[in-house]
Amino acid sequence: MVIVYGWKTNIKKEKHLGKKHCTNCSHDEDMFLAKEIFKLHIFGIPIFWKTKRRFVMCSNCGVVEELNKADYTERLKEL
Protein backbone atom coordinates (compact mmCIF):
# COMPACT_ATOMS: atom_id res chain seq x y z
CA MET A 1 0.00 0.00 0.00
CA VAL A 2 1.30 3.45 -0.92
CA ILE A 3 0.51 6.45 1.26
CA VAL A 4 0.99 9.85 -0.33
CA TYR A 5 1.71 12.53 2.26
CA GLY A 6 3.31 15.95 2.48
CA TRP A 7 3.50 19.20 4.35
CA LYS A 8 3.36 22.86 3.52
CA THR A 9 3.81 26.19 5.28
CA ASN A 10 1.57 29.08 4.20
CA ILE A 11 1.48 32.74 5.17
CA LYS A 12 -2.06 34.01 5.59
CA LYS A 13 -2.57 37.79 5.52
CA GLU A 14 -5.50 38.52 7.81
CA LYS A 15 -5.73 42.29 8.13
CA HIS A 16 -4.40 45.36 6.31
CA LEU A 17 -2.96 47.79 8.86
CA GLY A 18 -2.47 50.68 6.43
CA LYS A 19 0.70 52.48 5.37
CA LYS A 20 3.32 52.63 8.10
CA HIS A 21 7.04 53.34 8.20
CA CYS A 22 9.16 50.18 7.91
CA THR A 23 12.32 50.24 10.01
CA ASN A 24 14.10 47.81 7.68
CA CYS A 25 13.56 49.32 4.20
CA SER A 26 12.85 52.93 5.36
CA HIS A 27 9.73 53.28 3.19
CA ASP A 28 6.13 54.04 4.04
CA GLU A 29 4.58 50.76 2.89
CA ASP A 30 1.47 48.68 3.50
CA MET A 31 1.71 46.58 6.64
CA PHE A 32 -0.28 43.39 7.15
CA LEU A 33 -1.22 41.35 10.17
CA ALA A 34 -0.37 37.78 9.17
CA LYS A 35 0.26 34.30 10.51
CA GLU A 36 2.34 31.33 9.37
CA ILE A 37 0.40 28.05 9.22
CA PHE A 38 1.94 24.57 8.98
CA LYS A 39 -0.26 21.94 7.28
CA LEU A 40 0.23 18.17 7.13
CA HIS A 41 -1.83 16.35 4.51
CA ILE A 42 -2.45 12.80 3.32
CA PHE A 43 -3.67 12.23 -0.25
CA GLY A 44 -4.05 16.02 -0.63
CA ILE A 45 -6.43 16.35 2.32
CA PRO A 46 -5.17 18.47 5.23
CA ILE A 47 -5.43 16.42 8.42
CA PHE A 48 -3.45 18.60 10.81
CA TRP A 49 -2.60 22.29 10.88
CA LYS A 50 -0.96 24.51 13.44
CA THR A 51 -0.21 28.22 13.62
CA LYS A 52 3.55 28.49 13.98
CA ARG A 53 3.90 32.23 14.52
CA ARG A 54 2.00 35.52 14.30
CA PHE A 55 3.49 38.75 13.03
CA VAL A 56 3.22 42.15 11.34
CA MET A 57 4.73 42.01 7.83
CA CYS A 58 5.98 44.74 5.46
CA SER A 59 4.68 44.32 1.90
CA ASN A 60 7.85 45.81 0.37
CA CYS A 61 10.74 43.95 2.00
CA GLY A 62 8.91 41.15 3.83
CA VAL A 63 10.48 41.84 7.22
CA VAL A 64 8.36 40.60 10.13
CA GLU A 65 7.80 41.76 13.69
CA GLU A 66 6.69 38.75 15.72
CA LEU A 67 3.75 39.07 18.12
CA ASN A 68 2.46 36.87 20.90
CA LYS A 69 -1.07 35.47 20.71
CA ALA A 70 -2.60 38.12 22.99
CA ASP A 71 -1.14 41.07 21.04
CA TYR A 72 -2.16 39.46 17.75
CA THR A 73 -5.81 39.00 18.74
CA GLU A 74 -5.90 42.54 20.20
CA ARG A 75 -4.65 44.06 16.92
CA LEU A 76 -7.01 41.85 14.92
CA LYS A 77 -10.01 43.24 16.83
CA GLU A 78 -9.00 46.89 16.34
CA LEU A 79 -10.74 48.85 13.61
C-alpha atoms as a PDB file:
ATOM      1  CA  MET A   1       0.000   0.000   0.000  1.00  0.00           C
ATOM      2  CA  VAL A   2       1.296   3.454  -0.923  1.00  0.00           C
ATOM      3  CA  ILE A   3       0.512   6.449   1.262  1.00  0.00           C
ATOM      4  CA  VAL A   4       0.993   9.850  -0.328  1.00  0.00           C
ATOM      5  CA  TYR A   5       1.710  12.532   2.258  1.00  0.00           C
ATOM      6  CA  GLY A   6       3.306  15.946   2.479  1.00  0.00           C
ATOM      7  CA  TRP A   7       3.495  19.205   4.354  1.00  0.00           C
ATOM      8  CA  LYS A   8       3.362  22.859   3.521  1.00  0.00           C
ATOM      9  CA  THR A   9       3.805  26.186   5.275  1.00  0.00           C
ATOM     10  CA  ASN A  10       1.571  29.083   4.204  1.00  0.00           C
ATOM     11  CA  ILE A  11       1.479  32.742   5.174  1.00  0.00           C
ATOM     12  CA  LYS A  12      -2.063  34.015   5.587  1.00  0.00           C
ATOM     13  CA  LYS A  13      -2.566  37.791   5.521  1.00  0.00           C
ATOM     14  CA  GLU A  14      -5.498  38.522   7.813  1.00  0.00           C
ATOM     15  CA  LYS A  15      -5.730  42.294   8.132  1.00  0.00           C
ATOM     16  CA  HIS A  16      -4.398  45.356   6.313  1.00  0.00           C
ATOM     17  CA  LEU A  17      -2.964  47.792   8.855  1.00  0.00           C
ATOM     18  CA  GLY A  18      -2.468  50.676   6.430  1.00  0.00           C
ATOM     19  CA  LYS A  19       0.695  52.479   5.370  1.00  0.00           C
ATOM     20  CA  LYS A  20       3.324  52.630   8.099  1.00  0.00           C
ATOM     21  CA  HIS A  21       7.042  53.344   8.205  1.00  0.00           C
ATOM     22  CA  CYS A  22       9.157  50.184   7.905  1.00  0.00           C
ATOM     23  CA  THR A  23      12.324  50.238  10.009  1.00  0.00           C
ATOM     24  CA  ASN A  24      14.100  47.810   7.676  1.00  0.00           C
ATOM     25  CA  CYS A  25      13.558  49.315   4.198  1.00  0.00           C
ATOM     26  CA  SER A  26      12.851  52.930   5.360  1.00  0.00           C
ATOM     27  CA  HIS A  27       9.730  53.276   3.188  1.00  0.00           C
ATOM     28  CA  ASP A  28       6.127  54.039   4.038  1.00  0.00           C
ATOM     29  CA  GLU A  29       4.579  50.761   2.891  1.00  0.00           C
ATOM     30  CA  ASP A  30       1.469  48.678   3.496  1.00  0.00           C
ATOM     31  CA  MET A  31       1.705  46.575   6.644  1.00  0.00           C
ATOM     32  CA  PHE A  32      -0.277  43.386   7.150  1.00  0.00           C
ATOM     33  CA  LEU A  33      -1.221  41.346  10.168  1.00  0.00           C
ATOM     34  CA  ALA A  34      -0.366  37.777   9.168  1.00  0.00           C
ATOM     35  CA  LYS A  35       0.263  34.302  10.507  1.00  0.00           C
ATOM     36  CA  GLU A  36       2.336  31.331   9.374  1.00  0.00           C
ATOM     37  CA  ILE A  37       0.400  28.049   9.220  1.00  0.00           C
ATOM     38  CA  PHE A  38       1.945  24.566   8.985  1.00  0.00           C
ATOM     39  CA  LYS A  39      -0.258  21.940   7.275  1.00  0.00           C
ATOM     40  CA  LEU A  40       0.233  18.167   7.134  1.00  0.00           C
ATOM     41  CA  HIS A  41      -1.833  16.347   4.507  1.00  0.00           C
ATOM     42  CA  ILE A  42      -2.448  12.797   3.318  1.00  0.00           C
ATOM     43  CA  PHE A  43      -3.673  12.232  -0.246  1.00  0.00           C
ATOM     44  CA  GLY A  44      -4.048  16.020  -0.632  1.00  0.00           C
ATOM     45  CA  ILE A  45      -6.430  16.349   2.321  1.00  0.00           C
ATOM     46  CA  PRO A  46      -5.167  18.471   5.230  1.00  0.00           C
ATOM     47  CA  ILE A  47      -5.428  16.418   8.416  1.00  0.00           C
ATOM     48  CA  PHE A  48      -3.454  18.596  10.815  1.00  0.00           C
ATOM     49  CA  TRP A  49      -2.598  22.292  10.875  1.00  0.00           C
ATOM     50  CA  LYS A  50      -0.957  24.505  13.439  1.00  0.00           C
ATOM     51  CA  THR A  51      -0.214  28.222  13.621  1.00  0.00           C
ATOM     52  CA  LYS A  52       3.547  28.489  13.982  1.00  0.00           C
ATOM     53  CA  ARG A  53       3.896  32.232  14.517  1.00  0.00           C
ATOM     54  CA  ARG A  54       1.995  35.515  14.299  1.00  0.00           C
ATOM     55  CA  PHE A  55       3.492  38.751  13.032  1.00  0.00           C
ATOM     56  CA  VAL A  56       3.217  42.153  11.336  1.00  0.00           C
ATOM     57  CA  MET A  57       4.731  42.014   7.828  1.00  0.00           C
ATOM     58  CA  CYS A  58       5.982  44.743   5.461  1.00  0.00           C
ATOM     59  CA  SER A  59       4.683  44.322   1.898  1.00  0.00           C
ATOM     60  CA  ASN A  60       7.852  45.810   0.365  1.00  0.00           C
ATOM     61  CA  CYS A  61      10.743  43.953   1.998  1.00  0.00           C
ATOM     62  CA  GLY A  62       8.908  41.152   3.833  1.00  0.00           C
ATOM     63  CA  VAL A  63      10.478  41.838   7.218  1.00  0.00           C
ATOM     64  CA  VAL A  64       8.363  40.602  10.131  1.00  0.00           C
ATOM     65  CA  GLU A  65       7.798  41.761  13.693  1.00  0.00           C
ATOM     66  CA  GLU A  66       6.689  38.750  15.716  1.00  0.00           C
ATOM     67  CA  LEU A  67       3.752  39.070  18.116  1.00  0.00           C
ATOM     68  CA  ASN A  68       2.462  36.865  20.896  1.00  0.00           C
ATOM     69  CA  LYS A  69      -1.068  35.474  20.707  1.00  0.00           C
ATOM     70  CA  ALA A  70      -2.605  38.121  22.993  1.00  0.00           C
ATOM     71  CA  ASP A  71      -1.141  41.069  21.041  1.00  0.00           C
ATOM     72  CA  TYR A  72      -2.158  39.461  17.749  1.00  0.00           C
ATOM     73  CA  THR A  73      -5.806  39.001  18.741  1.00  0.00           C
ATOM     74  CA  GLU A  74      -5.904  42.541  20.196  1.00  0.00           C
ATOM     75  CA  ARG A  75      -4.646  44.060  16.916  1.00  0.00           C
ATOM     76  CA  LEU A  76      -7.010  41.855  14.923  1.00  0.00           C
ATOM     77  CA  LYS A  77     -10.012  43.241  16.827  1.00  0.00           C
ATOM     78  CA  GLU A  78      -8.997  46.893  16.343  1.00  0.00           C
ATOM     79  CA  LEU A  79     -10.745  48.851  13.606  1.00  0.00           C
END
